[in-house]
PDB file of N, CA and C in Angstrom:
ATOM      1  N   UNK A   1     159.058  14.486 108.261  1.00  0.00           N
ATOM      2  CA  UNK A   1     158.369  15.265 107.208  1.00  0.00           C
ATOM      3  C   UNK A   1     157.438  14.338 106.438  1.00  0.00           C
ATOM      4  N   UNK A   2     156.208  14.808 106.231  1.00  0.00           N
ATOM      5  CA  UNK A   2     155.216  14.059 105.515  1.00  0.00           C
ATOM      6  C   UNK A   2     155.457  14.071 104.012  1.00  0.00           C
ATOM      7  N   UNK A   3     155.635  12.904 103.427  1.00  0.00           N
ATOM      8  CA  UNK A   3     155.851  12.801 101.966  1.00  0.00           C
ATOM      9  C   UNK A   3     154.757  11.950 101.423  1.00  0.00           C
ATOM     10  N   UNK A   4     153.801  12.586 100.712  1.00  0.00           N
ATOM     11  CA  UNK A   4     152.637  11.851 100.184  1.00  0.00           C
ATOM     12  C   UNK A   4     153.003  10.667  99.320  1.00  0.00           C
ATOM     13  N   UNK A   5     152.329   9.564  99.535  1.00  0.00           N
ATOM     14  CA  UNK A   5     152.469   8.359  98.727  1.00  0.00           C
ATOM     15  C   UNK A   5     153.804   7.618  98.842  1.00  0.00           C
ATOM     16  N   UNK A   6     154.670   8.073  99.741  1.00  0.00           N
ATOM     17  CA  UNK A   6     156.007   7.443  99.822  1.00  0.00           C
ATOM     18  C   UNK A   6     156.115   6.443 100.960  1.00  0.00           C
ATOM     19  N   UNK A   7     155.350   6.577 101.998  1.00  0.00           N
ATOM     20  CA  UNK A   7     155.445   5.711 103.135  1.00  0.00           C
ATOM     21  C   UNK A   7     154.032   5.314 103.582  1.00  0.00           C
ATOM     22  N   UNK A   8     153.723   4.035 103.529  1.00  0.00           N
ATOM     23  CA  UNK A   8     152.400   3.589 103.811  1.00  0.00           C
ATOM     24  C   UNK A   8     152.027   3.511 105.276  1.00  0.00           C
ATOM     25  N   UNK A   9     152.903   3.957 106.171  1.00  0.00           N
ATOM     26  CA  UNK A   9     152.589   3.829 107.587  1.00  0.00           C
ATOM     27  C   UNK A   9     152.568   5.164 108.318  1.00  0.00           C
ATOM     28  N   UNK A  10     152.739   6.280 107.622  1.00  0.00           N
ATOM     29  CA  UNK A  10     152.790   7.576 108.267  1.00  0.00           C
ATOM     30  C   UNK A  10     151.417   8.133 108.503  1.00  0.00           C
ATOM     31  N   UNK A  11     151.316   8.943 109.541  1.00  0.00           N
ATOM     32  CA  UNK A  11     150.160   9.763 109.739  1.00  0.00           C
ATOM     33  C   UNK A  11     150.601  11.134 110.305  1.00  0.00           C
ATOM     34  N   UNK A  12     149.788  12.121 110.065  1.00  0.00           N
ATOM     35  CA  UNK A  12     150.103  13.469 110.463  1.00  0.00           C
ATOM     36  C   UNK A  12     148.822  14.080 110.973  1.00  0.00           C
ATOM     37  N   UNK A  13     148.916  14.982 111.940  1.00  0.00           N
ATOM     38  CA  UNK A  13     147.737  15.602 112.527  1.00  0.00           C
ATOM     39  C   UNK A  13     147.862  17.094 112.475  1.00  0.00           C
ATOM     40  N   UNK A  14     146.765  17.740 112.109  1.00  0.00           N
ATOM     41  CA  UNK A  14     146.599  19.189 112.232  1.00  0.00           C
ATOM     42  C   UNK A  14     145.375  19.352 113.147  1.00  0.00           C
ATOM     43  N   UNK A  15     145.618  19.649 114.373  1.00  0.00           N
ATOM     44  CA  UNK A  15     144.582  19.665 115.404  1.00  0.00           C
ATOM     45  C   UNK A  15     143.870  18.339 115.432  1.00  0.00           C
ATOM     46  N   UNK A  16     142.584  18.283 115.149  1.00  0.00           N
ATOM     47  CA  UNK A  16     141.818  17.017 115.182  1.00  0.00           C
ATOM     48  C   UNK A  16     141.678  16.401 113.783  1.00  0.00           C
ATOM     49  N   UNK A  17     142.363  16.927 112.807  1.00  0.00           N
ATOM     50  CA  UNK A  17     142.305  16.369 111.445  1.00  0.00           C
ATOM     51  C   UNK A  17     143.521  15.419 111.306  1.00  0.00           C
ATOM     52  N   UNK A  18     143.227  14.183 110.936  1.00  0.00           N
ATOM     53  CA  UNK A  18     144.293  13.202 110.759  1.00  0.00           C
ATOM     54  C   UNK A  18     144.495  12.972 109.278  1.00  0.00           C
ATOM     55  N   UNK A  19     145.737  12.945 108.862  1.00  0.00           N
ATOM     56  CA  UNK A  19     146.091  12.662 107.482  1.00  0.00           C
ATOM     57  C   UNK A  19     146.875  11.329 107.522  1.00  0.00           C
ATOM     58  N   UNK A  20     146.324  10.332 106.830  1.00  0.00           N
ATOM     59  CA  UNK A  20     146.987   9.009 106.801  1.00  0.00           C
ATOM     60  C   UNK A  20     147.566   8.796 105.406  1.00  0.00           C
ATOM     61  N   UNK A  21     148.793   8.375 105.388  1.00  0.00           N
ATOM     62  CA  UNK A  21     149.551   8.182 104.176  1.00  0.00           C
ATOM     63  C   UNK A  21     149.603   6.713 103.812  1.00  0.00           C
ATOM     64  N   UNK A  22     149.317   6.419 102.550  1.00  0.00           N
ATOM     65  CA  UNK A  22     149.501   5.060 102.017  1.00  0.00           C
ATOM     66  C   UNK A  22     150.194   5.252 100.666  1.00  0.00           C
ATOM     67  N   UNK A  23     150.610   4.176 100.083  1.00  0.00           N
ATOM     68  CA  UNK A  23     151.347   4.267  98.816  1.00  0.00           C
ATOM     69  C   UNK A  23     150.483   4.655  97.655  1.00  0.00           C
ATOM     70  N   UNK A  24     149.147   4.432  97.762  1.00  0.00           N
ATOM     71  CA  UNK A  24     148.260   4.773  96.657  1.00  0.00           C
ATOM     72  C   UNK A  24     147.125   5.694  97.084  1.00  0.00           C
ATOM     73  N   UNK A  25     147.135   6.212  98.326  1.00  0.00           N
ATOM     74  CA  UNK A  25     146.061   7.063  98.813  1.00  0.00           C
ATOM     75  C   UNK A  25     146.504   7.881 100.004  1.00  0.00           C
ATOM     76  N   UNK A  26     146.058   9.106 100.037  1.00  0.00           N
ATOM     77  CA  UNK A  26     146.223   9.956 101.251  1.00  0.00           C
ATOM     78  C   UNK A  26     144.797  10.190 101.742  1.00  0.00           C
ATOM     79  N   UNK A  27     144.520   9.834 103.003  1.00  0.00           N
ATOM     80  CA  UNK A  27     143.183   9.931 103.568  1.00  0.00           C
ATOM     81  C   UNK A  27     143.165  11.025 104.624  1.00  0.00           C
ATOM     82  N   UNK A  28     142.107  11.846 104.573  1.00  0.00           N
ATOM     83  CA  UNK A  28     141.857  12.904 105.562  1.00  0.00           C
ATOM     84  C   UNK A  28     140.660  12.501 106.369  1.00  0.00           C
ATOM     85  N   UNK A  29     140.728  12.558 107.681  1.00  0.00           N
ATOM     86  CA  UNK A  29     139.572  12.278 108.531  1.00  0.00           C
ATOM     87  C   UNK A  29     139.644  13.107 109.778  1.00  0.00           C
ATOM     88  N   UNK A  30     138.520  13.406 110.313  1.00  0.00           N
ATOM     89  CA  UNK A  30     138.464  14.176 111.563  1.00  0.00           C
ATOM     90  C   UNK A  30     137.817  15.516 111.375  1.00  0.00           C
ATOM     91  N   UNK A  31     138.256  16.469 112.197  1.00  0.00           N
ATOM     92  CA  UNK A  31     137.646  17.759 112.275  1.00  0.00           C
ATOM     93  C   UNK A  31     138.739  18.805 112.344  1.00  0.00           C
ATOM     94  N   UNK A  32     138.640  19.866 111.604  1.00  0.00           N
ATOM     95  CA  UNK A  32     139.558  20.989 111.631  1.00  0.00           C
ATOM     96  C   UNK A  32     138.719  22.252 111.562  1.00  0.00           C
ATOM     97  N   UNK A  33     138.802  23.090 112.575  1.00  0.00           N
ATOM     98  CA  UNK A  33     138.119  24.374 112.609  1.00  0.00           C
ATOM     99  C   UNK A  33     139.172  25.444 112.339  1.00  0.00           C
ATOM    100  N   UNK A  34     138.925  26.202 111.264  1.00  0.00           N
ATOM    101  CA  UNK A  34     139.867  27.283 110.883  1.00  0.00           C
ATOM    102  C   UNK A  34     139.272  28.577 111.400  1.00  0.00           C
ATOM    103  N   UNK A  35     139.606  28.900 112.599  1.00  0.00           N
ATOM    104  CA  UNK A  35     139.096  30.088 113.270  1.00  0.00           C
ATOM    105  C   UNK A  35     139.760  31.357 112.678  1.00  0.00           C
ATOM    106  N   UNK A  36     139.041  32.475 112.794  1.00  0.00           N
ATOM    107  CA  UNK A  36     139.531  33.721 112.248  1.00  0.00           C
ATOM    108  C   UNK A  36     140.448  34.420 113.254  1.00  0.00           C
ATOM    109  N   UNK A  37     141.617  33.815 113.439  1.00  0.00           N
ATOM    110  CA  UNK A  37     142.629  34.320 114.371  1.00  0.00           C
ATOM    111  C   UNK A  37     143.981  33.754 113.961  1.00  0.00           C
ATOM    112  N   UNK A  38     144.993  34.020 114.739  1.00  0.00           N
ATOM    113  CA  UNK A  38     146.376  33.565 114.435  1.00  0.00           C
ATOM    114  C   UNK A  38     146.453  32.026 114.414  1.00  0.00           C
ATOM    115  N   UNK A  39     145.745  31.373 115.338  1.00  0.00           N
ATOM    116  CA  UNK A  39     145.769  29.894 115.358  1.00  0.00           C
ATOM    117  C   UNK A  39     145.092  29.344 114.134  1.00  0.00           C
ATOM    118  N   UNK A  40     144.008  29.948 113.690  1.00  0.00           N
ATOM    119  CA  UNK A  40     143.339  29.502 112.462  1.00  0.00           C
ATOM    120  C   UNK A  40     144.186  29.686 111.236  1.00  0.00           C
ATOM    121  N   UNK A  41     144.902  30.803 111.204  1.00  0.00           N
ATOM    122  CA  UNK A  41     145.834  31.056 110.084  1.00  0.00           C
ATOM    123  C   UNK A  41     146.945  30.031 110.042  1.00  0.00           C
ATOM    124  N   UNK A  42     147.479  29.701 111.207  1.00  0.00           N
ATOM    125  CA  UNK A  42     148.557  28.705 111.281  1.00  0.00           C
ATOM    126  C   UNK A  42     148.082  27.333 110.783  1.00  0.00           C
ATOM    127  N   UNK A  43     146.905  26.956 111.260  1.00  0.00           N
ATOM    128  CA  UNK A  43     146.306  25.674 110.860  1.00  0.00           C
ATOM    129  C   UNK A  43     146.007  25.646 109.362  1.00  0.00           C
ATOM    130  N   UNK A  44     145.490  26.750 108.848  1.00  0.00           N
ATOM    131  CA  UNK A  44     145.158  26.820 107.399  1.00  0.00           C
ATOM    132  C   UNK A  44     146.424  26.701 106.552  1.00  0.00           C
ATOM    133  N   UNK A  45     147.482  27.323 106.989  1.00  0.00           N
ATOM    134  CA  UNK A  45     148.772  27.257 106.251  1.00  0.00           C
ATOM    135  C   UNK A  45     149.322  25.851 106.307  1.00  0.00           C
ATOM    136  N   UNK A  46     149.166  25.188 107.443  1.00  0.00           N
ATOM    137  CA  UNK A  46     149.634  23.809 107.539  1.00  0.00           C
ATOM    138  C   UNK A  46     148.905  22.912 106.610  1.00  0.00           C
ATOM    139  N   UNK A  47     147.569  23.068 106.567  1.00  0.00           N
ATOM    140  CA  UNK A  47     146.711  22.294 105.662  1.00  0.00           C
ATOM    141  C   UNK A  47     147.063  22.600 104.190  1.00  0.00           C
ATOM    142  N   UNK A  48     147.263  23.875 103.867  1.00  0.00           N
ATOM    143  CA  UNK A  48     147.610  24.290 102.502  1.00  0.00           C
ATOM    144  C   UNK A  48     148.912  23.649 102.093  1.00  0.00           C
ATOM    145  N   UNK A  49     149.921  23.676 102.985  1.00  0.00           N
ATOM    146  CA  UNK A  49     151.254  23.106 102.653  1.00  0.00           C
ATOM    147  C   UNK A  49     151.119  21.597 102.397  1.00  0.00           C
ATOM    148  N   UNK A  50     150.364  20.933 103.242  1.00  0.00           N
ATOM    149  CA  UNK A  50     150.164  19.495 103.076  1.00  0.00           C
ATOM    150  C   UNK A  50     149.464  19.161 101.746  1.00  0.00           C
ATOM    151  N   UNK A  51     148.402  19.902 101.416  1.00  0.00           N
ATOM    152  CA  UNK A  51     147.683  19.676 100.186  1.00  0.00           C
ATOM    153  C   UNK A  51     148.563  20.038  98.955  1.00  0.00           C
ATOM    154  N   UNK A  52     149.360  21.074  99.086  1.00  0.00           N
ATOM    155  CA  UNK A  52     150.256  21.448  97.998  1.00  0.00           C
ATOM    156  C   UNK A  52     151.248  20.316  97.742  1.00  0.00           C
ATOM    157  N   UNK A  53     151.746  19.660  98.801  1.00  0.00           N
ATOM    158  CA  UNK A  53     152.638  18.508  98.669  1.00  0.00           C
ATOM    159  C   UNK A  53     151.949  17.334  97.990  1.00  0.00           C
ATOM    160  N   UNK A  54     150.651  17.098  98.306  1.00  0.00           N
ATOM    161  CA  UNK A  54     149.880  16.038  97.663  1.00  0.00           C
ATOM    162  C   UNK A  54     149.727  16.359  96.147  1.00  0.00           C
ATOM    163  N   UNK A  55     149.350  17.557  95.822  1.00  0.00           N
ATOM    164  CA  UNK A  55     149.186  17.957  94.426  1.00  0.00           C
ATOM    165  C   UNK A  55     150.489  17.853  93.671  1.00  0.00           C
ATOM    166  N   UNK A  56     151.575  18.268  94.245  1.00  0.00           N
ATOM    167  CA  UNK A  56     152.884  18.188  93.579  1.00  0.00           C
ATOM    168  C   UNK A  56     153.267  16.753  93.334  1.00  0.00           C
ATOM    169  N   UNK A  57     153.052  15.889  94.310  1.00  0.00           N
ATOM    170  CA  UNK A  57     153.348  14.467  94.149  1.00  0.00           C
ATOM    171  C   UNK A  57     152.519  13.846  93.030  1.00  0.00           C
ATOM    172  N   UNK A  58     151.277  14.183  92.943  1.00  0.00           N
ATOM    173  CA  UNK A  58     150.391  13.663  91.887  1.00  0.00           C
ATOM    174  C   UNK A  58     150.815  14.197  90.528  1.00  0.00           C
ATOM    175  N   UNK A  59     151.141  15.495  90.453  1.00  0.00           N
ATOM    176  CA  UNK A  59     151.560  16.092  89.171  1.00  0.00           C
ATOM    177  C   UNK A  59     152.871  15.505  88.704  1.00  0.00           C
ATOM    178  N   UNK A  60     153.732  15.079  89.596  1.00  0.00           N
ATOM    179  CA  UNK A  60     155.054  14.560  89.237  1.00  0.00           C
ATOM    180  C   UNK A  60     155.068  13.047  89.065  1.00  0.00           C
ATOM    181  N   UNK A  61     153.905  12.418  89.096  1.00  0.00           N
ATOM    182  CA  UNK A  61     153.804  10.952  88.894  1.00  0.00           C
ATOM    183  C   UNK A  61     153.652  10.641  87.421  1.00  0.00           C
ATOM    184  N   UNK A  62     154.611   9.936  86.900  1.00  0.00           N
ATOM    185  CA  UNK A  62     154.543   9.541  85.488  1.00  0.00           C
ATOM    186  C   UNK A  62     153.453   8.482  85.332  1.00  0.00           C
ATOM    187  N   UNK A  63     152.756   8.513  84.238  1.00  0.00           N
ATOM    188  CA  UNK A  63     151.686   7.523  83.937  1.00  0.00           C
ATOM    189  C   UNK A  63     150.674   7.448  85.053  1.00  0.00           C
ATOM    190  N   UNK A  64     150.183   8.569  85.509  1.00  0.00           N
ATOM    191  CA  UNK A  64     149.125   8.618  86.558  1.00  0.00           C
ATOM    192  C   UNK A  64     147.902   7.951  86.007  1.00  0.00           C
ATOM    193  N   UNK A  65     147.418   6.882  86.668  1.00  0.00           N
ATOM    194  CA  UNK A  65     146.197   6.187  86.143  1.00  0.00           C
ATOM    195  C   UNK A  65     144.959   7.051  86.303  1.00  0.00           C
ATOM    196  N   UNK A  66     143.963   6.711  85.538  1.00  0.00           N
ATOM    197  CA  UNK A  66     142.682   7.380  85.611  1.00  0.00           C
ATOM    198  C   UNK A  66     142.030   7.185  86.971  1.00  0.00           C
ATOM    199  N   UNK A  67     142.138   5.982  87.518  1.00  0.00           N
ATOM    200  CA  UNK A  67     141.598   5.710  88.834  1.00  0.00           C
ATOM    201  C   UNK A  67     142.358   4.523  89.433  1.00  0.00           C
ATOM    202  N   UNK A  68     142.447   4.491  90.713  1.00  0.00           N
ATOM    203  CA  UNK A  68     143.094   3.406  91.460  1.00  0.00           C
ATOM    204  C   UNK A  68     141.989   2.559  92.125  1.00  0.00           C
ATOM    205  N   UNK A  69     142.050   1.266  91.870  1.00  0.00           N
ATOM    206  CA  UNK A  69     141.080   0.387  92.528  1.00  0.00           C
ATOM    207  C   UNK A  69     141.592   0.053  93.919  1.00  0.00           C
ATOM    208  N   UNK A  70     140.787   0.396  94.922  1.00  0.00           N
ATOM    209  CA  UNK A  70     141.162   0.139  96.282  1.00  0.00           C
ATOM    210  C   UNK A  70     140.129  -0.838  96.900  1.00  0.00           C
ATOM    211  N   UNK A  71     140.621  -1.759  97.713  1.00  0.00           N
ATOM    212  CA  UNK A  71     139.737  -2.707  98.375  1.00  0.00           C
ATOM    213  C   UNK A  71     138.949  -1.951  99.432  1.00  0.00           C
ATOM    214  N   UNK A  72     137.640  -2.099  99.373  1.00  0.00           N
ATOM    215  CA  UNK A  72     136.769  -1.454 100.350  1.00  0.00           C
ATOM    216  C   UNK A  72     136.768  -2.269 101.623  1.00  0.00           C
ATOM    217  N   UNK A  73     137.037  -1.581 102.713  1.00  0.00           N
ATOM    218  CA  UNK A  73     137.020  -2.304 104.019  1.00  0.00           C
ATOM    219  C   UNK A  73     135.545  -2.479 104.372  1.00  0.00           C
ATOM    220  N   UNK A  74     135.261  -3.693 104.766  1.00  0.00           N
ATOM    221  CA  UNK A  74     133.876  -4.023 105.148  1.00  0.00           C
ATOM    222  C   UNK A  74     133.552  -3.527 106.559  1.00  0.00           C
ATOM    223  N   UNK A  75     132.297  -3.635 106.917  1.00  0.00           N
ATOM    224  CA  UNK A  75     131.889  -3.232 108.242  1.00  0.00           C
ATOM    225  C   UNK A  75     132.405  -4.242 109.240  1.00  0.00           C
ATOM    226  N   UNK A  76     132.977  -3.720 110.335  1.00  0.00           N
ATOM    227  CA  UNK A  76     133.549  -4.569 111.380  1.00  0.00           C
ATOM    228  C   UNK A  76     132.543  -4.701 112.494  1.00  0.00           C
ATOM    229  N   UNK A  77     132.320  -5.925 112.993  1.00  0.00           N
ATOM    230  CA  UNK A  77     131.412  -6.122 114.060  1.00  0.00           C
ATOM    231  C   UNK A  77     131.986  -5.567 115.355  1.00  0.00           C
ATOM    232  N   UNK A  78     131.131  -4.876 116.130  1.00  0.00           N
ATOM    233  CA  UNK A  78     131.553  -4.247 117.385  1.00  0.00           C
ATOM    234  C   UNK A  78     131.815  -5.311 118.419  1.00  0.00           C
ATOM    235  N   UNK A  79     133.028  -5.505 118.912  1.00  0.00           N
ATOM    236  CA  UNK A  79     133.342  -6.546 119.860  1.00  0.00           C
ATOM    237  C   UNK A  79     132.796  -6.228 121.266  1.00  0.00           C
ATOM    238  N   UNK A  80     132.333  -5.026 121.502  1.00  0.00           N
ATOM    239  CA  UNK A  80     131.855  -4.656 122.815  1.00  0.00           C
ATOM    240  C   UNK A  80     130.357  -4.848 123.000  1.00  0.00           C
ATOM    241  N   UNK A  81     129.672  -5.306 122.000  1.00  0.00           N
ATOM    242  CA  UNK A  81     128.230  -5.543 122.101  1.00  0.00           C
ATOM    243  C   UNK A  81     127.922  -6.989 122.389  1.00  0.00           C
TER     244      UNK A  81
END
């Protein structure tokens, strides 16, 4: 079960959308198409549940800072060139 901000090594996928968990950040990357059908509804509900968990975790954090300073990852040279 995905628990936002509790485990820095987890990831979760909803189709091609990847959710990466860290102790100070939850990152979303990829692509998610919410089609107007049962599959789209299922994906939308999965995304909604995940985001609801993130919001709940943030709301329940005592002394939530104004902003978290994160180290920006620099550009990595392509080893295949």
